[in-house]
């Protein structure tokens, strides 16, 4: 009985350590791909100039605020501030998927 409790305790400790390592990786690793994905979502796949005005990272998500200006030939550019939230598919694992609020139509 005590051997099964010890094995269960070790497995639980290992799971918590793995979660901690994955969370630290999500916060401190290079996020250039996520920023690019967020910029594409902020621009709604159209050509625009985007600059990051705010960035926030947590173990389960990353959020950005972009100041964007649509680049249209022969017209004055339209500007907007767009908030983008990027989350992994399975909390600490998986590909990032982003959603934007406040994008230009």
N, C-alpha and C. Protein backbone atom coordinates (compact mmCIF):
# COMPACT_ATOMS: atom_id res chain seq x y z
N UNK A 1 0.82 -1.19 0.00
CA UNK A 1 0.00 0.00 0.00
C UNK A 1 0.87 1.26 0.00
N UNK A 2 1.91 1.28 0.83
CA UNK A 2 2.76 2.46 0.91
C UNK A 2 3.61 2.61 -0.36
N UNK A 3 3.93 1.49 -1.03
CA UNK A 3 4.69 1.58 -2.29
C UNK A 3 3.86 2.24 -3.38
N UNK A 4 2.57 1.95 -3.44
CA UNK A 4 1.72 2.57 -4.46
C UNK A 4 1.53 4.06 -4.17
N UNK A 5 1.45 4.44 -2.91
CA UNK A 5 1.36 5.86 -2.57
C UNK A 5 2.63 6.60 -2.95
N UNK A 6 3.78 5.96 -2.74
CA UNK A 6 5.05 6.58 -3.11
C UNK A 6 5.17 6.75 -4.61
N UNK A 7 4.74 5.76 -5.38
CA UNK A 7 4.78 5.85 -6.84
C UNK A 7 3.83 6.94 -7.32
N UNK A 8 2.64 7.00 -6.73
CA UNK A 8 1.67 8.02 -7.10
C UNK A 8 2.19 9.42 -6.75
N UNK A 9 2.81 9.54 -5.61
CA UNK A 9 3.39 10.82 -5.18
C UNK A 9 4.50 11.24 -6.14
N UNK A 10 5.35 10.31 -6.56
CA UNK A 10 6.43 10.62 -7.50
C UNK A 10 5.88 11.02 -8.86
N UNK A 11 4.86 10.33 -9.33
CA UNK A 11 4.24 10.66 -10.62
C UNK A 11 3.62 12.05 -10.57
N UNK A 12 2.94 12.37 -9.48
CA UNK A 12 2.33 13.68 -9.33
C UNK A 12 3.39 14.77 -9.27
N UNK A 13 4.46 14.53 -8.55
CA UNK A 13 5.56 15.50 -8.47
C UNK A 13 6.19 15.71 -9.85
N UNK A 14 6.40 14.64 -10.59
CA UNK A 14 6.94 14.74 -11.95
C UNK A 14 6.02 15.53 -12.87
N UNK A 15 4.72 15.32 -12.74
CA UNK A 15 3.74 16.05 -13.56
C UNK A 15 3.77 17.54 -13.23
N UNK A 16 3.87 17.88 -11.96
CA UNK A 16 3.96 19.29 -11.57
C UNK A 16 5.25 19.94 -12.07
N UNK A 17 6.35 19.21 -11.99
CA UNK A 17 7.62 19.75 -12.50
C UNK A 17 7.57 19.96 -14.01
N UNK A 18 6.98 19.02 -14.73
CA UNK A 18 6.84 19.15 -16.18
C UNK A 18 5.98 20.37 -16.52
N UNK A 19 4.88 20.56 -15.80
CA UNK A 19 4.03 21.73 -16.02
C UNK A 19 4.76 23.03 -15.76
N UNK A 20 5.60 23.04 -14.73
CA UNK A 20 6.39 24.23 -14.41
C UNK A 20 7.38 24.54 -15.52
N UNK A 21 8.07 23.52 -16.02
CA UNK A 21 9.05 23.71 -17.09
C UNK A 21 8.35 24.21 -18.36
N UNK A 22 7.21 23.62 -18.72
CA UNK A 22 6.47 24.07 -19.90
C UNK A 22 5.98 25.50 -19.74
N UNK A 23 5.51 25.87 -18.56
CA UNK A 23 5.07 27.24 -18.31
C UNK A 23 6.20 28.24 -18.43
N UNK A 24 7.35 27.90 -17.87
CA UNK A 24 8.52 28.78 -18.00
C UNK A 24 8.97 28.91 -19.44
N UNK A 25 8.91 27.83 -20.20
CA UNK A 25 9.27 27.88 -21.62
C UNK A 25 8.32 28.81 -22.37
N UNK A 26 7.03 28.73 -22.08
CA UNK A 26 6.05 29.57 -22.77
C UNK A 26 6.26 31.05 -22.47
N UNK A 27 6.73 31.38 -21.28
CA UNK A 27 6.91 32.77 -20.89
C UNK A 27 8.24 33.33 -21.38
N UNK A 28 9.31 32.55 -21.30
CA UNK A 28 10.65 33.09 -21.55
C UNK A 28 11.28 32.70 -22.89
N UNK A 29 10.64 31.87 -23.69
CA UNK A 29 11.23 31.47 -24.97
C UNK A 29 11.03 32.57 -26.02
N UNK A 30 11.70 32.43 -27.14
CA UNK A 30 11.57 33.37 -28.25
C UNK A 30 10.14 33.32 -28.78
N UNK A 31 9.49 34.47 -28.88
CA UNK A 31 8.11 34.49 -29.33
C UNK A 31 7.93 35.24 -30.66
N UNK A 32 8.96 35.28 -31.47
CA UNK A 32 8.88 36.02 -32.74
C UNK A 32 7.82 35.43 -33.66
N UNK A 33 7.65 34.11 -33.67
CA UNK A 33 6.63 33.50 -34.51
C UNK A 33 5.23 33.87 -34.03
N UNK A 34 5.04 33.94 -32.73
CA UNK A 34 3.72 34.30 -32.18
C UNK A 34 3.43 35.77 -32.49
N UNK A 35 4.43 36.63 -32.39
CA UNK A 35 4.25 38.05 -32.72
C UNK A 35 3.88 38.21 -34.19
N UNK A 36 4.52 37.45 -35.08
CA UNK A 36 4.20 37.51 -36.50
C UNK A 36 2.77 37.03 -36.75
N UNK A 37 2.39 35.95 -36.10
CA UNK A 37 1.03 35.42 -36.22
C UNK A 37 0.01 36.45 -35.71
N UNK A 38 0.32 37.10 -34.61
CA UNK A 38 -0.55 38.14 -34.07
C UNK A 38 -0.66 39.35 -34.99
N UNK A 39 0.45 39.72 -35.62
CA UNK A 39 0.43 40.85 -36.57
C UNK A 39 -0.44 40.53 -37.77
N UNK A 40 -0.33 39.31 -38.29
CA UNK A 40 -1.18 38.90 -39.42
C UNK A 40 -2.65 38.95 -39.04
N UNK A 41 -2.97 38.52 -37.83
CA UNK A 41 -4.36 38.53 -37.37
C UNK A 41 -4.83 39.97 -37.18
N UNK A 42 -3.97 40.85 -36.67
CA UNK A 42 -4.34 42.26 -36.47
C UNK A 42 -4.61 42.95 -37.81
N UNK A 43 -3.83 42.61 -38.82
CA UNK A 43 -3.99 43.21 -40.14
C UNK A 43 -5.08 42.53 -40.96
N UNK A 44 -5.66 41.47 -40.44
CA UNK A 44 -6.70 40.70 -41.15
C UNK A 44 -6.20 40.23 -42.50
N UNK A 45 -4.93 39.79 -42.53
CA UNK A 45 -4.30 39.24 -43.74
C UNK A 45 -4.17 40.27 -44.87
N UNK A 46 -4.32 41.57 -44.57
CA UNK A 46 -4.15 42.63 -45.57
C UNK A 46 -2.81 43.31 -45.35
N UNK A 47 -2.28 43.97 -46.37
CA UNK A 47 -1.02 44.70 -46.16
C UNK A 47 -1.24 45.90 -45.25
N UNK A 48 -0.47 45.98 -44.19
CA UNK A 48 -0.58 47.11 -43.27
C UNK A 48 0.75 47.27 -42.54
N UNK A 49 0.88 48.42 -41.92
CA UNK A 49 2.02 48.68 -41.05
C UNK A 49 1.54 48.46 -39.63
N UNK A 50 2.27 47.65 -38.88
CA UNK A 50 1.86 47.36 -37.51
C UNK A 50 3.04 47.54 -36.56
N UNK A 51 2.76 48.12 -35.41
CA UNK A 51 3.78 48.24 -34.37
C UNK A 51 3.16 47.82 -33.04
N UNK A 52 3.93 47.11 -32.25
CA UNK A 52 3.46 46.62 -30.96
C UNK A 52 3.53 47.75 -29.94
N UNK A 53 2.42 48.02 -29.28
CA UNK A 53 2.40 49.04 -28.23
C UNK A 53 2.32 48.41 -26.84
N UNK A 54 1.86 47.15 -26.77
CA UNK A 54 1.78 46.45 -25.49
C UNK A 54 1.94 44.96 -25.74
N UNK A 55 2.66 44.30 -24.85
CA UNK A 55 2.86 42.85 -24.94
C UNK A 55 2.78 42.26 -23.54
N UNK A 56 2.05 41.16 -23.42
CA UNK A 56 1.90 40.49 -22.13
C UNK A 56 1.99 38.99 -22.36
N UNK A 57 2.76 38.30 -21.50
CA UNK A 57 2.94 36.86 -21.65
C UNK A 57 2.63 36.15 -20.34
N UNK A 58 1.97 35.03 -20.46
CA UNK A 58 1.69 34.17 -19.30
C UNK A 58 1.97 32.74 -19.73
N UNK A 59 1.95 31.78 -18.82
CA UNK A 59 2.21 30.39 -19.21
C UNK A 59 1.20 29.82 -20.22
N UNK A 60 -0.02 30.37 -20.26
CA UNK A 60 -1.04 29.78 -21.15
C UNK A 60 -1.43 30.68 -22.31
N UNK A 61 -0.99 31.95 -22.34
CA UNK A 61 -1.37 32.83 -23.45
C UNK A 61 -0.39 33.99 -23.59
N UNK A 62 -0.52 34.67 -24.72
CA UNK A 62 0.21 35.90 -24.97
C UNK A 62 -0.78 36.89 -25.55
N UNK A 63 -0.68 38.15 -25.15
CA UNK A 63 -1.57 39.16 -25.72
C UNK A 63 -0.75 40.36 -26.16
N UNK A 64 -1.23 40.98 -27.21
CA UNK A 64 -0.54 42.12 -27.82
C UNK A 64 -1.55 43.20 -28.15
N UNK A 65 -1.11 44.44 -28.15
CA UNK A 65 -1.88 45.54 -28.72
C UNK A 65 -1.03 46.11 -29.84
N UNK A 66 -1.61 46.14 -31.03
CA UNK A 66 -0.93 46.66 -32.20
C UNK A 66 -1.57 47.97 -32.61
N UNK A 67 -0.74 48.92 -33.02
CA UNK A 67 -1.22 50.12 -33.69
C UNK A 67 -1.01 49.85 -35.17
N UNK A 68 -2.10 49.77 -35.92
CA UNK A 68 -1.97 49.42 -37.33
C UNK A 68 -2.41 50.58 -38.21
N UNK A 69 -1.86 50.61 -39.42
CA UNK A 69 -2.27 51.56 -40.44
C UNK A 69 -2.37 50.78 -41.74
N UNK A 70 -3.59 50.78 -42.31
CA UNK A 70 -3.79 50.08 -43.57
C UNK A 70 -3.11 50.86 -44.68
N UNK A 71 -2.45 50.16 -45.56
CA UNK A 71 -1.75 50.76 -46.68
C UNK A 71 -2.59 50.54 -47.92
N UNK A 72 -3.23 51.60 -48.40
CA UNK A 72 -4.05 51.52 -49.61
C UNK A 72 -3.52 52.52 -50.61
N UNK A 73 -3.40 52.09 -51.85
CA UNK A 73 -2.85 52.93 -52.90
C UNK A 73 -3.77 54.12 -53.18
N UNK A 74 -3.22 55.31 -53.15
CA UNK A 74 -3.97 56.50 -53.50
C UNK A 74 -4.95 56.98 -52.44
N UNK A 75 -4.94 56.40 -51.25
CA UNK A 75 -5.87 56.80 -50.20
C UNK A 75 -5.08 57.09 -48.92
N UNK A 76 -5.69 57.90 -48.08
CA UNK A 76 -5.09 58.13 -46.77
C UNK A 76 -5.24 56.85 -45.95
N UNK A 77 -4.20 56.47 -45.24
CA UNK A 77 -4.25 55.24 -44.46
C UNK A 77 -5.20 55.35 -43.28
N UNK A 78 -5.90 54.27 -43.00
CA UNK A 78 -6.78 54.22 -41.83
C UNK A 78 -6.00 53.61 -40.68
N UNK A 79 -6.19 54.16 -39.48
CA UNK A 79 -5.46 53.68 -38.30
C UNK A 79 -6.43 53.10 -37.29
N UNK A 80 -5.90 52.15 -36.54
CA UNK A 80 -6.70 51.54 -35.48
C UNK A 80 -5.78 50.88 -34.48
N UNK A 81 -6.30 50.68 -33.30
CA UNK A 81 -5.61 49.92 -32.27
C UNK A 81 -6.31 48.56 -32.17
N UNK A 82 -5.53 47.49 -32.26
CA UNK A 82 -6.11 46.15 -32.30
C UNK A 82 -5.50 45.32 -31.18
N UNK A 83 -6.36 44.70 -30.38
CA UNK A 83 -5.93 43.79 -29.33
C UNK A 83 -5.97 42.36 -29.88
N UNK A 84 -4.87 41.63 -29.70
CA UNK A 84 -4.77 40.26 -30.18
C UNK A 84 -4.42 39.35 -29.01
N UNK A 85 -5.17 38.27 -28.86
CA UNK A 85 -4.94 37.27 -27.81
C UNK A 85 -4.54 35.96 -28.50
N UNK A 86 -3.39 35.41 -28.12
CA UNK A 86 -2.92 34.15 -28.69
C UNK A 86 -2.83 33.11 -27.57
N UNK A 87 -3.44 31.95 -27.80
CA UNK A 87 -3.43 30.88 -26.82
C UNK A 87 -3.01 29.58 -27.50
N UNK A 88 -2.38 28.72 -26.71
CA UNK A 88 -2.04 27.39 -27.20
C UNK A 88 -3.29 26.53 -27.26
N UNK A 89 -3.26 25.53 -28.12
CA UNK A 89 -4.42 24.66 -28.31
C UNK A 89 -4.73 23.85 -27.06
N UNK A 90 -3.71 23.41 -26.31
CA UNK A 90 -3.90 22.57 -25.13
C UNK A 90 -3.21 23.17 -23.92
N UNK A 91 -3.62 24.36 -23.51
CA UNK A 91 -3.08 25.10 -22.37
C UNK A 91 -1.57 25.32 -22.47
N UNK A 92 -0.75 24.32 -22.18
CA UNK A 92 0.70 24.49 -22.19
C UNK A 92 1.36 23.94 -23.45
N UNK A 93 0.63 23.22 -24.26
CA UNK A 93 1.17 22.57 -25.46
C UNK A 93 0.33 22.90 -26.69
N UNK A 94 0.89 22.67 -27.85
CA UNK A 94 0.16 22.85 -29.09
C UNK A 94 0.51 24.15 -29.79
N UNK A 95 -0.05 24.31 -30.97
CA UNK A 95 0.19 25.51 -31.77
C UNK A 95 -0.61 26.68 -31.19
N UNK A 96 -0.07 27.88 -31.38
CA UNK A 96 -0.78 29.07 -30.96
C UNK A 96 -1.88 29.41 -31.97
N UNK A 97 -3.01 29.83 -31.47
CA UNK A 97 -4.11 30.33 -32.29
C UNK A 97 -4.48 31.71 -31.75
N UNK A 98 -4.59 32.67 -32.66
CA UNK A 98 -4.82 34.05 -32.25
C UNK A 98 -6.21 34.54 -32.66
N UNK A 99 -6.74 35.44 -31.86
CA UNK A 99 -8.00 36.11 -32.19
C UNK A 99 -7.81 37.59 -31.94
N UNK A 100 -8.46 38.41 -32.79
CA UNK A 100 -8.29 39.87 -32.71
C UNK A 100 -9.61 40.54 -32.36
N UNK A 101 -9.52 41.60 -31.57
CA UNK A 101 -10.67 42.44 -31.24
C UNK A 101 -10.32 43.87 -31.67
N UNK A 102 -11.21 44.50 -32.40
CA UNK A 102 -11.00 45.89 -32.79
C UNK A 102 -10.33 46.05 -34.13
N UNK A 103 -10.31 45.03 -34.97
CA UNK A 103 -9.67 45.13 -36.28
C UNK A 103 -10.49 46.02 -37.21
N UNK A 104 -9.83 46.62 -38.16
CA UNK A 104 -10.53 47.44 -39.16
C UNK A 104 -11.31 46.54 -40.10
N UNK A 105 -12.49 47.00 -40.55
CA UNK A 105 -13.27 46.19 -41.50
C UNK A 105 -12.64 46.15 -42.86
